[in-house]
PDB file of N, CA and C in Angstrom:
ATOM      1  N   MET A   1     -33.028 -19.761  31.958  1.00  0.00           N
ATOM      2  CA  MET A   1     -33.259 -18.650  31.079  1.00  0.00           C
ATOM      3  C   MET A   1     -32.021 -17.661  31.133  1.00  0.00           C
ATOM      4  N   CYS A   2     -31.484 -17.553  32.301  1.00  0.00           N
ATOM      5  CA  CYS A   2     -30.299 -16.637  32.385  1.00  0.00           C
ATOM      6  C   CYS A   2     -29.130 -17.141  31.487  1.00  0.00           C
ATOM      7  N   SER A   3     -28.981 -18.392  31.443  1.00  0.00           N
ATOM      8  CA  SER A   3     -27.868 -18.881  30.625  1.00  0.00           C
ATOM      9  C   SER A   3     -28.126 -18.742  29.105  1.00  0.00           C
ATOM     10  N   ALA A   4     -29.427 -18.801  28.701  1.00  0.00           N
ATOM     11  CA  ALA A   4     -29.793 -18.481  27.401  1.00  0.00           C
ATOM     12  C   ALA A   4     -29.488 -17.106  26.950  1.00  0.00           C
ATOM     13  N   ALA A   5     -29.786 -16.165  27.913  1.00  0.00           N
ATOM     14  CA  ALA A   5     -29.475 -14.717  27.580  1.00  0.00           C
ATOM     15  C   ALA A   5     -27.950 -14.497  27.461  1.00  0.00           C
ATOM     16  N   LYS A   6     -27.195 -15.248  28.372  1.00  0.00           N
ATOM     17  CA  LYS A   6     -25.750 -15.040  28.357  1.00  0.00           C
ATOM     18  C   LYS A   6     -25.213 -15.677  27.006  1.00  0.00           C
ATOM     19  N   LEU A   7     -25.722 -16.773  26.623  1.00  0.00           N
ATOM     20  CA  LEU A   7     -25.387 -17.435  25.385  1.00  0.00           C
ATOM     21  C   LEU A   7     -25.612 -16.542  24.157  1.00  0.00           C
ATOM     22  N   THR A   8     -26.775 -15.845  24.234  1.00  0.00           N
ATOM     23  CA  THR A   8     -27.083 -14.816  23.042  1.00  0.00           C
ATOM     24  C   THR A   8     -26.141 -13.760  23.018  1.00  0.00           C
ATOM     25  N   ILE A   9     -25.692 -13.264  24.201  1.00  0.00           N
ATOM     26  CA  ILE A   9     -24.799 -12.148  24.260  1.00  0.00           C
ATOM     27  C   ILE A   9     -23.422 -12.622  23.802  1.00  0.00           C
ATOM     28  N   CYS A  10     -23.044 -13.732  24.265  1.00  0.00           N
ATOM     29  CA  CYS A  10     -21.702 -14.359  23.852  1.00  0.00           C
ATOM     30  C   CYS A  10     -21.665 -14.511  22.283  1.00  0.00           C
ATOM     31  N   PHE A  11     -22.763 -15.080  21.742  1.00  0.00           N
ATOM     32  CA  PHE A  11     -22.843 -15.288  20.255  1.00  0.00           C
ATOM     33  C   PHE A  11     -22.794 -13.933  19.515  1.00  0.00           C
ATOM     34  N   GLY A  12     -23.432 -12.911  20.068  1.00  0.00           N
ATOM     35  CA  GLY A  12     -23.431 -11.669  19.488  1.00  0.00           C
ATOM     36  C   GLY A  12     -21.966 -11.022  19.516  1.00  0.00           C
ATOM     37  N   LEU A  13     -21.335 -11.180  20.623  1.00  0.00           N
ATOM     38  CA  LEU A  13     -19.920 -10.644  20.741  1.00  0.00           C
ATOM     39  C   LEU A  13     -19.052 -11.432  19.718  1.00  0.00           C
ATOM     40  N   LEU A  14     -19.204 -12.775  19.604  1.00  0.00           N
ATOM     41  CA  LEU A  14     -18.324 -13.478  18.732  1.00  0.00           C
ATOM     42  C   LEU A  14     -18.631 -12.995  17.285  1.00  0.00           C
ATOM     43  N   LEU A  15     -19.831 -12.700  16.933  1.00  0.00           N
ATOM     44  CA  LEU A  15     -20.213 -12.270  15.591  1.00  0.00           C
ATOM     45  C   LEU A  15     -19.528 -10.936  15.225  1.00  0.00           C
ATOM     46  N   ILE A  16     -19.562  -9.995  16.270  1.00  0.00           N
ATOM     47  CA  ILE A  16     -19.041  -8.660  16.103  1.00  0.00           C
ATOM     48  C   ILE A  16     -17.552  -8.845  16.039  1.00  0.00           C
ATOM     49  N   MET A  17     -16.905  -9.700  16.840  1.00  0.00           N
ATOM     50  CA  MET A  17     -15.411  -9.820  16.775  1.00  0.00           C
ATOM     51  C   MET A  17     -15.015 -10.479  15.443  1.00  0.00           C
ATOM     52  N   SER A  18     -15.757 -11.372  14.902  1.00  0.00           N
ATOM     53  CA  SER A  18     -15.361 -11.932  13.699  1.00  0.00           C
ATOM     54  C   SER A  18     -15.460 -10.929  12.583  1.00  0.00           C
ATOM     55  N   LYS A  19     -16.409 -10.023  12.605  1.00  0.00           N
ATOM     56  CA  LYS A  19     -16.531  -9.010  11.539  1.00  0.00           C
ATOM     57  C   LYS A  19     -15.407  -8.008  11.663  1.00  0.00           C
ATOM     58  N   VAL A  20     -15.052  -7.656  12.911  1.00  0.00           N
ATOM     59  CA  VAL A  20     -13.979  -6.709  13.116  1.00  0.00           C
ATOM     60  C   VAL A  20     -12.666  -7.382  12.559  1.00  0.00           C
ATOM     61  N   GLY A  21     -12.410  -8.612  12.868  1.00  0.00           N
ATOM     62  CA  GLY A  21     -11.257  -9.307  12.411  1.00  0.00           C
ATOM     63  C   GLY A  21     -11.093  -9.441  10.980  1.00  0.00           C
ATOM     64  N   SER A  22     -12.211  -9.612  10.280  1.00  0.00           N
ATOM     65  CA  SER A  22     -12.254  -9.687   8.827  1.00  0.00           C
ATOM     66  C   SER A  22     -11.923  -8.334   8.168  1.00  0.00           C
ATOM     67  N   VAL A  23     -12.453  -7.290   8.765  1.00  0.00           N
ATOM     68  CA  VAL A  23     -12.215  -5.855   8.211  1.00  0.00           C
ATOM     69  C   VAL A  23     -10.703  -5.682   8.437  1.00  0.00           C
ATOM     70  N   ALA A  24     -10.194  -5.979   9.550  1.00  0.00           N
ATOM     71  CA  ALA A  24      -8.699  -5.665   9.895  1.00  0.00           C
ATOM     72  C   ALA A  24      -7.805  -6.479   8.956  1.00  0.00           C
ATOM     73  N   ALA A  25      -8.209  -7.601   8.363  1.00  0.00           N
ATOM     74  CA  ALA A  25      -7.390  -8.389   7.586  1.00  0.00           C
ATOM     75  C   ALA A  25      -7.406  -7.907   6.119  1.00  0.00           C
ATOM     76  N   ARG A  26      -8.138  -6.925   5.759  1.00  0.00           N
ATOM     77  CA  ARG A  26      -8.170  -6.387   4.380  1.00  0.00           C
ATOM     78  C   ARG A  26      -7.052  -5.509   4.095  1.00  0.00           C
ATOM     79  N   PHE A  27      -6.473  -5.762   2.927  1.00  0.00           N
ATOM     80  CA  PHE A  27      -5.320  -4.915   2.420  1.00  0.00           C
ATOM     81  C   PHE A  27      -5.626  -4.374   1.055  1.00  0.00           C
ATOM     82  N   LYS A  28      -4.923  -3.425   0.593  1.00  0.00           N
ATOM     83  CA  LYS A  28      -5.043  -2.832  -0.700  1.00  0.00           C
ATOM     84  C   LYS A  28      -3.761  -3.053  -1.486  1.00  0.00           C
ATOM     85  N   SER A  29      -3.900  -3.243  -2.766  1.00  0.00           N
ATOM     86  CA  SER A  29      -2.764  -3.359  -3.716  1.00  0.00           C
ATOM     87  C   SER A  29      -2.961  -2.429  -4.864  1.00  0.00           C
ATOM     88  N   ILE A  30      -1.869  -1.832  -5.247  1.00  0.00           N
ATOM     89  CA  ILE A  30      -2.046  -0.876  -6.425  1.00  0.00           C
ATOM     90  C   ILE A  30      -0.712  -0.826  -7.160  1.00  0.00           C
ATOM     91  N   ASP A  31      -0.769  -0.781  -8.456  1.00  0.00           N
ATOM     92  CA  ASP A  31       0.378  -0.665  -9.381  1.00  0.00           C
ATOM     93  C   ASP A  31       0.528   0.908  -9.729  1.00  0.00           C
ATOM     94  N   TYR A  32       1.727   1.345  -9.977  1.00  0.00           N
ATOM     95  CA  TYR A  32       1.956   2.727 -10.287  1.00  0.00           C
ATOM     96  C   TYR A  32       3.066   2.847 -11.342  1.00  0.00           C
ATOM     97  N   GLU A  33       2.947   3.954 -12.110  1.00  0.00           N
ATOM     98  CA  GLU A  33       3.940   4.381 -12.937  1.00  0.00           C
ATOM     99  C   GLU A  33       4.147   5.959 -12.858  1.00  0.00           C
ATOM    100  N   ILE A  34       5.353   6.417 -12.700  1.00  0.00           N
ATOM    101  CA  ILE A  34       5.552   7.833 -12.419  1.00  0.00           C
ATOM    102  C   ILE A  34       6.324   8.356 -13.592  1.00  0.00           C
ATOM    103  N   ASN A  35       5.855   9.431 -14.249  1.00  0.00           N
ATOM    104  CA  ASN A  35       6.485  10.114 -15.331  1.00  0.00           C
ATOM    105  C   ASN A  35       7.063  11.407 -14.871  1.00  0.00           C
ATOM    106  N   GLY A  36       8.160  11.812 -15.525  1.00  0.00           N
ATOM    107  CA  GLY A  36       8.828  13.164 -15.221  1.00  0.00           C
ATOM    108  C   GLY A  36      10.316  12.930 -15.062  1.00  0.00           C
ATOM    109  N   ARG A  37      10.946  13.769 -14.338  1.00  0.00           N
ATOM    110  CA  ARG A  37      12.367  13.532 -14.114  1.00  0.00           C
ATOM    111  C   ARG A  37      12.482  12.694 -12.839  1.00  0.00           C
ATOM    112  N   VAL A  38      12.435  11.456 -13.060  1.00  0.00           N
ATOM    113  CA  VAL A  38      12.400  10.546 -11.945  1.00  0.00           C
ATOM    114  C   VAL A  38      13.507   9.466 -12.012  1.00  0.00           C
ATOM    115  N   GLN A  39      14.272   9.476 -13.046  1.00  0.00           N
ATOM    116  CA  GLN A  39      15.481   8.559 -13.058  1.00  0.00           C
ATOM    117  C   GLN A  39      16.742   9.421 -12.945  1.00  0.00           C
ATOM    118  N   GLY A  40      17.652   8.918 -12.194  1.00  0.00           N
ATOM    119  CA  GLY A  40      18.951   9.613 -11.975  1.00  0.00           C
ATOM    120  C   GLY A  40      18.919  10.668 -10.903  1.00  0.00           C
ATOM    121  N   VAL A  41      17.745  10.645 -10.035  1.00  0.00           N
ATOM    122  CA  VAL A  41      17.532  11.638  -8.998  1.00  0.00           C
ATOM    123  C   VAL A  41      17.279  10.916  -7.694  1.00  0.00           C
ATOM    124  N   CYS A  42      17.657   9.695  -7.535  1.00  0.00           N
ATOM    125  CA  CYS A  42      17.483   8.863  -6.342  1.00  0.00           C
ATOM    126  C   CYS A  42      15.976   8.642  -5.941  1.00  0.00           C
ATOM    127  N   PHE A  43      15.162   8.664  -7.058  1.00  0.00           N
ATOM    128  CA  PHE A  43      13.700   8.474  -6.737  1.00  0.00           C
ATOM    129  C   PHE A  43      13.451   7.155  -6.215  1.00  0.00           C
ATOM    130  N   ARG A  44      14.054   6.053  -6.684  1.00  0.00           N
ATOM    131  CA  ARG A  44      13.826   4.725  -6.147  1.00  0.00           C
ATOM    132  C   ARG A  44      14.262   4.668  -4.736  1.00  0.00           C
ATOM    133  N   MET A  45      15.333   5.213  -4.390  1.00  0.00           N
ATOM    134  CA  MET A  45      15.913   5.089  -3.016  1.00  0.00           C
ATOM    135  C   MET A  45      14.903   5.810  -2.027  1.00  0.00           C
ATOM    136  N   TYR A  46      14.442   7.007  -2.439  1.00  0.00           N
ATOM    137  CA  TYR A  46      13.514   7.776  -1.584  1.00  0.00           C
ATOM    138  C   TYR A  46      12.153   7.036  -1.506  1.00  0.00           C
ATOM    139  N   THR A  47      11.755   6.350  -2.613  1.00  0.00           N
ATOM    140  CA  THR A  47      10.514   5.679  -2.616  1.00  0.00           C
ATOM    141  C   THR A  47      10.616   4.513  -1.643  1.00  0.00           C
ATOM    142  N   GLU A  48      11.723   3.720  -1.656  1.00  0.00           N
ATOM    143  CA  GLU A  48      11.856   2.635  -0.740  1.00  0.00           C
ATOM    144  C   GLU A  48      11.935   3.150   0.684  1.00  0.00           C
ATOM    145  N   ASP A  49      12.522   4.206   0.872  1.00  0.00           N
ATOM    146  CA  ASP A  49      12.623   4.753   2.320  1.00  0.00           C
ATOM    147  C   ASP A  49      11.225   5.239   2.766  1.00  0.00           C
ATOM    148  N   GLN A  50      10.520   5.897   1.959  1.00  0.00           N
ATOM    149  CA  GLN A  50       9.140   6.327   2.361  1.00  0.00           C
ATOM    150  C   GLN A  50       8.213   5.088   2.623  1.00  0.00           C
ATOM    151  N   ALA A  51       8.330   4.150   1.740  1.00  0.00           N
ATOM    152  CA  ALA A  51       7.478   2.957   1.899  1.00  0.00           C
ATOM    153  C   ALA A  51       7.716   2.248   3.251  1.00  0.00           C
ATOM    154  N   ARG A  52       9.064   2.216   3.584  1.00  0.00           N
ATOM    155  CA  ARG A  52       9.321   1.572   4.913  1.00  0.00           C
ATOM    156  C   ARG A  52       8.923   2.388   6.071  1.00  0.00           C
ATOM    157  N   LYS A  53       9.028   3.729   5.912  1.00  0.00           N
ATOM    158  CA  LYS A  53       8.497   4.630   7.003  1.00  0.00           C
ATOM    159  C   LYS A  53       7.024   4.382   7.144  1.00  0.00           C
ATOM    160  N   LEU A  54       6.242   4.195   6.122  1.00  0.00           N
ATOM    161  CA  LEU A  54       4.781   4.088   6.203  1.00  0.00           C
ATOM    162  C   LEU A  54       4.365   2.646   6.616  1.00  0.00           C
ATOM    163  N   GLY A  55       5.317   1.713   6.348  1.00  0.00           N
ATOM    164  CA  GLY A  55       4.973   0.306   6.692  1.00  0.00           C
ATOM    165  C   GLY A  55       4.222  -0.352   5.548  1.00  0.00           C
ATOM    166  N   VAL A  56       4.348   0.025   4.272  1.00  0.00           N
ATOM    167  CA  VAL A  56       3.831  -0.641   3.183  1.00  0.00           C
ATOM    168  C   VAL A  56       4.840  -1.554   2.515  1.00  0.00           C
ATOM    169  N   VAL A  57       4.494  -2.567   1.810  1.00  0.00           N
ATOM    170  CA  VAL A  57       5.386  -3.472   1.052  1.00  0.00           C
ATOM    171  C   VAL A  57       5.190  -3.364  -0.462  1.00  0.00           C
ATOM    172  N   GLY A  58       6.096  -3.857  -1.187  1.00  0.00           N
ATOM    173  CA  GLY A  58       6.002  -3.849  -2.696  1.00  0.00           C
ATOM    174  C   GLY A  58       7.370  -3.658  -3.225  1.00  0.00           C
ATOM    175  N   TRP A  59       7.483  -3.058  -4.412  1.00  0.00           N
ATOM    176  CA  TRP A  59       8.683  -2.805  -5.098  1.00  0.00           C
ATOM    177  C   TRP A  59       8.664  -1.602  -5.921  1.00  0.00           C
ATOM    178  N   VAL A  60       9.842  -1.173  -6.470  1.00  0.00           N
ATOM    179  CA  VAL A  60      10.000  -0.109  -7.388  1.00  0.00           C
ATOM    180  C   VAL A  60      11.107  -0.411  -8.364  1.00  0.00           C
ATOM    181  N   ARG A  61      11.068   0.159  -9.611  1.00  0.00           N
ATOM    182  CA  ARG A  61      12.149  -0.069 -10.522  1.00  0.00           C
ATOM    183  C   ARG A  61      12.049   0.985 -11.619  1.00  0.00           C
ATOM    184  N   ASN A  62      13.240   1.252 -12.242  1.00  0.00           N
ATOM    185  CA  ASN A  62      13.273   2.112 -13.402  1.00  0.00           C
ATOM    186  C   ASN A  62      12.769   1.341 -14.607  1.00  0.00           C
ATOM    187  N   THR A  63      12.172   2.048 -15.581  1.00  0.00           N
ATOM    188  CA  THR A  63      11.800   1.409 -16.883  1.00  0.00           C
ATOM    189  C   THR A  63      12.647   1.845 -18.038  1.00  0.00           C
ATOM    190  N   ARG A  64      12.572   1.207 -19.160  1.00  0.00           N
ATOM    191  CA  ARG A  64      13.308   1.662 -20.351  1.00  0.00           C
ATOM    192  C   ARG A  64      12.586   2.903 -20.964  1.00  0.00           C
ATOM    193  N   ARG A  65      11.415   3.131 -20.471  1.00  0.00           N
ATOM    194  CA  ARG A  65      10.643   4.367 -21.002  1.00  0.00           C
ATOM    195  C   ARG A  65      11.064   5.600 -20.271  1.00  0.00           C
ATOM    196  N   GLY A  66      11.937   5.469 -19.283  1.00  0.00           N
ATOM    197  CA  GLY A  66      12.338   6.721 -18.569  1.00  0.00           C
ATOM    198  C   GLY A  66      11.495   6.960 -17.360  1.00  0.00           C
ATOM    199  N   THR A  67      10.608   6.100 -17.025  1.00  0.00           N
ATOM    200  CA  THR A  67       9.644   6.290 -15.934  1.00  0.00           C
ATOM    201  C   THR A  67      10.020   5.352 -14.778  1.00  0.00           C
ATOM    202  N   VAL A  68       9.403   5.456 -13.720  1.00  0.00           N
ATOM    203  CA  VAL A  68       9.501   4.532 -12.533  1.00  0.00           C
ATOM    204  C   VAL A  68       8.231   3.866 -12.356  1.00  0.00           C
ATOM    205  N   GLU A  69       8.261   2.542 -12.083  1.00  0.00           N
ATOM    206  CA  GLU A  69       7.019   1.764 -11.889  1.00  0.00           C
ATOM    207  C   GLU A  69       7.213   0.894 -10.686  1.00  0.00           C
ATOM    208  N   GLY A  70       6.084   0.364 -10.185  1.00  0.00           N
ATOM    209  CA  GLY A  70       6.178  -0.510  -9.063  1.00  0.00           C
ATOM    210  C   GLY A  70       4.731  -0.966  -8.510  1.00  0.00           C
ATOM    211  N   GLN A  71       4.748  -1.451  -7.433  1.00  0.00           N
ATOM    212  CA  GLN A  71       3.468  -1.923  -6.754  1.00  0.00           C
ATOM    213  C   GLN A  71       3.631  -1.685  -5.223  1.00  0.00           C
ATOM    214  N   VAL A  72       2.518  -1.255  -4.628  1.00  0.00           N
ATOM    215  CA  VAL A  72       2.445  -0.987  -3.194  1.00  0.00           C
ATOM    216  C   VAL A  72       1.350  -1.806  -2.610  1.00  0.00           C
ATOM    217  N   GLN A  73       1.513  -2.398  -1.545  1.00  0.00           N
ATOM    218  CA  GLN A  73       0.447  -3.155  -0.823  1.00  0.00           C
ATOM    219  C   GLN A  73       0.575  -2.823   0.677  1.00  0.00           C
ATOM    220  N   GLY A  74      -0.615  -2.852   1.309  1.00  0.00           N
ATOM    221  CA  GLY A  74      -0.690  -2.506   2.717  1.00  0.00           C
ATOM    222  C   GLY A  74      -2.082  -2.185   3.146  1.00  0.00           C
ATOM    223  N   LYS A  75      -2.272  -1.579   4.360  1.00  0.00           N
ATOM    224  CA  LYS A  75      -3.534  -1.103   4.821  1.00  0.00           C
ATOM    225  C   LYS A  75      -3.982   0.102   3.901  1.00  0.00           C
ATOM    226  N   GLU A  76      -5.218   0.198   3.628  1.00  0.00           N
ATOM    227  CA  GLU A  76      -5.725   1.139   2.630  1.00  0.00           C
ATOM    228  C   GLU A  76      -5.233   2.518   2.895  1.00  0.00           C
ATOM    229  N   GLU A  77      -5.329   3.026   4.176  1.00  0.00           N
ATOM    230  CA  GLU A  77      -4.848   4.341   4.481  1.00  0.00           C
ATOM    231  C   GLU A  77      -3.362   4.608   4.216  1.00  0.00           C
ATOM    232  N   LEU A  78      -2.677   3.559   4.445  1.00  0.00           N
ATOM    233  CA  LEU A  78      -1.196   3.726   4.259  1.00  0.00           C
ATOM    234  C   LEU A  78      -0.823   3.697   2.764  1.00  0.00           C
ATOM    235  N   VAL A  79      -1.538   2.871   2.025  1.00  0.00           N
ATOM    236  CA  VAL A  79      -1.384   2.818   0.491  1.00  0.00           C
ATOM    237  C   VAL A  79      -1.724   4.168  -0.045  1.00  0.00           C
ATOM    238  N   ASN A  80      -2.873   4.743   0.487  1.00  0.00           N
ATOM    239  CA  ASN A  80      -3.275   6.039  -0.025  1.00  0.00           C
ATOM    240  C   ASN A  80      -2.250   7.182   0.295  1.00  0.00           C
ATOM    241  N   SER A  81      -1.617   7.031   1.476  1.00  0.00           N
ATOM    242  CA  SER A  81      -0.526   7.988   1.812  1.00  0.00           C
ATOM    243  C   SER A  81       0.604   7.784   0.796  1.00  0.00           C
ATOM    244  N   MET A  82       0.966   6.618   0.480  1.00  0.00           N
ATOM    245  CA  MET A  82       2.065   6.358  -0.415  1.00  0.00           C
ATOM    246  C   MET A  82       1.674   6.862  -1.854  1.00  0.00           C
ATOM    247  N   LYS A  83       0.493   6.698  -2.281  1.00  0.00           N
ATOM    248  CA  LYS A  83      -0.022   7.230  -3.478  1.00  0.00           C
ATOM    249  C   LYS A  83       0.178   8.794  -3.604  1.00  0.00           C
ATOM    250  N   ASN A  84      -0.181   9.462  -2.471  1.00  0.00           N
ATOM    251  CA  ASN A  84      -0.064  10.898  -2.403  1.00  0.00           C
ATOM    252  C   ASN A  84       1.427  11.220  -2.570  1.00  0.00           C
ATOM    253  N   TRP A  85       2.269  10.576  -1.795  1.00  0.00           N
ATOM    254  CA  TRP A  85       3.685  10.834  -1.831  1.00  0.00           C
ATOM    255  C   TRP A  85       4.263  10.661  -3.298  1.00  0.00           C
ATOM    256  N   LEU A  86       3.865   9.564  -3.880  1.00  0.00           N
ATOM    257  CA  LEU A  86       4.313   9.259  -5.191  1.00  0.00           C
ATOM    258  C   LEU A  86       3.921  10.245  -6.238  1.00  0.00           C
ATOM    259  N   SER A  87       2.684  10.861  -6.100  1.00  0.00           N
ATOM    260  CA  SER A  87       2.195  11.784  -7.109  1.00  0.00           C
ATOM    261  C   SER A  87       2.559  13.290  -6.794  1.00  0.00           C
ATOM    262  N   LYS A  88       3.041  13.560  -5.546  1.00  0.00           N
ATOM    263  CA  LYS A  88       3.260  14.982  -5.240  1.00  0.00           C
ATOM    264  C   LYS A  88       4.624  15.252  -4.643  1.00  0.00           C
ATOM    265  N   VAL A  89       5.266  14.239  -4.067  1.00  0.00           N
ATOM    266  CA  VAL A  89       6.611  14.563  -3.325  1.00  0.00           C
ATOM    267  C   VAL A  89       7.777  14.040  -4.049  1.00  0.00           C
ATOM    268  N   GLY A  90       7.918  12.698  -4.054  1.00  0.00           N
ATOM    269  CA  GLY A  90       9.064  11.996  -4.658  1.00  0.00           C
ATOM    270  C   GLY A  90      10.421  12.440  -4.046  1.00  0.00           C
ATOM    271  N   SER A  91      11.525  12.253  -4.756  1.00  0.00           N
ATOM    272  CA  SER A  91      12.812  12.653  -4.165  1.00  0.00           C
ATOM    273  C   SER A  91      12.968  14.232  -4.301  1.00  0.00           C
ATOM    274  N   PRO A  92      13.889  14.787  -3.499  1.00  0.00           N
ATOM    275  CA  PRO A  92      14.062  16.182  -3.610  1.00  0.00           C
ATOM    276  C   PRO A  92      14.385  16.780  -4.963  1.00  0.00           C
ATOM    277  N   SER A  93      15.209  16.015  -5.794  1.00  0.00           N
ATOM    278  CA  SER A  93      15.530  16.502  -7.120  1.00  0.00           C
ATOM    279  C   SER A  93      14.567  16.084  -8.308  1.00  0.00           C
ATOM    280  N   SER A  94      13.511  15.354  -7.901  1.00  0.00           N
ATOM    281  CA  SER A  94      12.732  14.850  -9.006  1.00  0.00           C
ATOM    282  C   SER A  94      11.678  15.859  -9.447  1.00  0.00           C
ATOM    283  N   ARG A  95      11.083  15.629 -10.538  1.00  0.00           N
ATOM    284  CA  ARG A  95       9.968  16.387 -10.989  1.00  0.00           C
ATOM    285  C   ARG A  95       8.854  15.428 -11.512  1.00  0.00           C
ATOM    286  N   ILE A  96       7.691  15.428 -10.841  1.00  0.00           N
ATOM    287  CA  ILE A  96       6.724  14.455 -11.149  1.00  0.00           C
ATOM    288  C   ILE A  96       5.689  15.125 -12.133  1.00  0.00           C
ATOM    289  N   ASP A  97       5.590  14.680 -13.389  1.00  0.00           N
ATOM    290  CA  ASP A  97       4.712  15.199 -14.336  1.00  0.00           C
ATOM    291  C   ASP A  97       3.419  14.527 -14.287  1.00  0.00           C
ATOM    292  N   ARG A  98       3.462  13.249 -13.947  1.00  0.00           N
ATOM    293  CA  ARG A  98       2.208  12.448 -13.970  1.00  0.00           C
ATOM    294  C   ARG A  98       2.420  11.184 -13.181  1.00  0.00           C
ATOM    295  N   ALA A  99       1.473  10.890 -12.408  1.00  0.00           N
ATOM    296  CA  ALA A  99       1.434   9.565 -11.631  1.00  0.00           C
ATOM    297  C   ALA A  99       0.157   8.838 -12.046  1.00  0.00           C
ATOM    298  N   HIS A 100       0.439   7.634 -12.684  1.00  0.00           N
ATOM    299  CA  HIS A 100      -0.648   6.790 -13.102  1.00  0.00           C
ATOM    300  C   HIS A 100      -0.775   5.579 -12.172  1.00  0.00           C
ATOM    301  N   PHE A 101      -1.933   5.347 -11.661  1.00  0.00           N
ATOM    302  CA  PHE A 101      -2.264   4.208 -10.738  1.00  0.00           C
ATOM    303  C   PHE A 101      -3.212   3.274 -11.408  1.00  0.00           C
ATOM    304  N   SER A 102      -2.944   1.963 -11.268  1.00  0.00           N
ATOM    305  CA  SER A 102      -3.869   1.015 -12.035  1.00  0.00           C
ATOM    306  C   SER A 102      -3.878  -0.254 -11.149  1.00  0.00           C
ATOM    307  N   ASN A 103      -4.778  -1.129 -11.585  1.00  0.00           N
ATOM    308  CA  ASN A 103      -4.863  -2.471 -10.932  1.00  0.00           C
ATOM    309  C   ASN A 103      -5.188  -2.366  -9.424  1.00  0.00           C
ATOM    310  N   GLU A 104      -5.890  -1.401  -9.059  1.00  0.00           N
ATOM    311  CA  GLU A 104      -6.221  -1.241  -7.591  1.00  0.00           C
ATOM    312  C   GLU A 104      -7.253  -2.184  -7.182  1.00  0.00           C
ATOM    313  N   LYS A 105      -6.840  -2.966  -6.102  1.00  0.00           N
ATOM    314  CA  LYS A 105      -7.744  -4.005  -5.641  1.00  0.00           C
ATOM    315  C   LYS A 105      -7.573  -4.312  -4.207  1.00  0.00           C
ATOM    316  N   GLU A 106      -8.564  -4.989  -3.640  1.00  0.00           N
ATOM    317  CA  GLU A 106      -8.518  -5.425  -2.273  1.00  0.00           C
ATOM    318  C   GLU A 106      -7.939  -6.778  -2.227  1.00  0.00           C
ATOM    319  N   ILE A 107      -6.911  -7.079  -1.281  1.00  0.00           N
ATOM    320  CA  ILE A 107      -6.341  -8.312  -1.181  1.00  0.00           C
ATOM    321  C   ILE A 107      -6.445  -8.839   0.243  1.00  0.00           C
ATOM    322  N   SER A 108      -6.534 -10.143   0.516  1.00  0.00           N
ATOM    323  CA  SER A 108      -6.719 -10.623   1.807  1.00  0.00           C
ATOM    324  C   SER A 108      -5.389 -10.739   2.521  1.00  0.00           C
ATOM    325  N   LYS A 109      -4.181 -10.839   1.807  1.00  0.00           N
ATOM    326  CA  LYS A 109      -2.892 -10.927   2.526  1.00  0.00           C
ATOM    327  C   LYS A 109      -1.923 -10.334   1.499  1.00  0.00           C
ATOM    328  N   MET A 110      -0.880  -9.768   2.083  1.00  0.00           N
ATOM    329  CA  MET A 110       0.217  -9.065   1.305  1.00  0.00           C
ATOM    330  C   MET A 110       1.053 -10.163   0.620  1.00  0.00           C
ATOM    331  N   GLU A 111       1.539  -9.929  -0.580  1.00  0.00           N
ATOM    332  CA  GLU A 111       2.317 -10.788  -1.320  1.00  0.00           C
ATOM    333  C   GLU A 111       3.811 -10.570  -1.151  1.00  0.00           C
ATOM    334  N   PHE A 112       4.209  -9.490  -0.480  1.00  0.00           N
ATOM    335  CA  PHE A 112       5.589  -9.268  -0.238  1.00  0.00           C
ATOM    336  C   PHE A 112       5.841  -9.093   1.268  1.00  0.00           C
ATOM    337  N   SER A 113       7.103  -9.308   1.657  1.00  0.00           N
ATOM    338  CA  SER A 113       7.432  -9.120   3.186  1.00  0.00           C
ATOM    339  C   SER A 113       8.026  -7.882   3.432  1.00  0.00           C
ATOM    340  N   ASN A 114       8.516  -7.137   2.388  1.00  0.00           N
ATOM    341  CA  ASN A 114       9.073  -5.703   2.569  1.00  0.00           C
ATOM    342  C   ASN A 114       9.001  -5.007   1.273  1.00  0.00           C
ATOM    343  N   PHE A 115       9.679  -3.795   1.228  1.00  0.00           N
ATOM    344  CA  PHE A 115       9.690  -2.967   0.027  1.00  0.00           C
ATOM    345  C   PHE A 115      11.117  -3.001  -0.514  1.00  0.00           C
ATOM    346  N   THR A 116      11.170  -3.371  -1.820  1.00  0.00           N
ATOM    347  CA  THR A 116      12.523  -3.383  -2.384  1.00  0.00           C
ATOM    348  C   THR A 116      12.698  -2.688  -3.726  1.00  0.00           C
ATOM    349  N   THR A 117      13.882  -2.472  -4.073  1.00  0.00           N
ATOM    350  CA  THR A 117      14.191  -1.933  -5.386  1.00  0.00           C
ATOM    351  C   THR A 117      14.536  -3.087  -6.375  1.00  0.00           C
ATOM    352  N   ARG A 118      13.873  -3.148  -7.427  1.00  0.00           N
ATOM    353  CA  ARG A 118      14.176  -4.170  -8.490  1.00  0.00           C
ATOM    354  C   ARG A 118      15.014  -3.604  -9.583  1.00  0.00           C
ATOM    355  N   TYR A 119      15.838  -4.419 -10.111  1.00  0.00           N
ATOM    356  CA  TYR A 119      16.782  -3.934 -11.236  1.00  0.00           C
ATOM    357  C   TYR A 119      16.477  -4.727 -12.447  1.00  0.00           C
TER     358      TYR A 119
END
């Protein structure tokens, strides 16, 4: 009987550990487009630097519309920090008029290995 109780406890611990592991493996992905004075003010360079500091992955690029767009992936709280930075901080000389976020979704693994500037 003692071994049956131990087996039940072990099974319970394994179940808990598997749930914790699956929660830890969840990531968030989001696309963004930033409007305002964001081209010609080192916005992409500062975005790449901030993303690396936070530990998120993805990309950033200028558009023909005069905006900056990209994608960020990582742990939810880190992606949320990056969203806040993109919508309120940016580069020192930038002026952010509007930050539009779309295609927000949960992903099981990240599609990028780092954060890069695309041309």
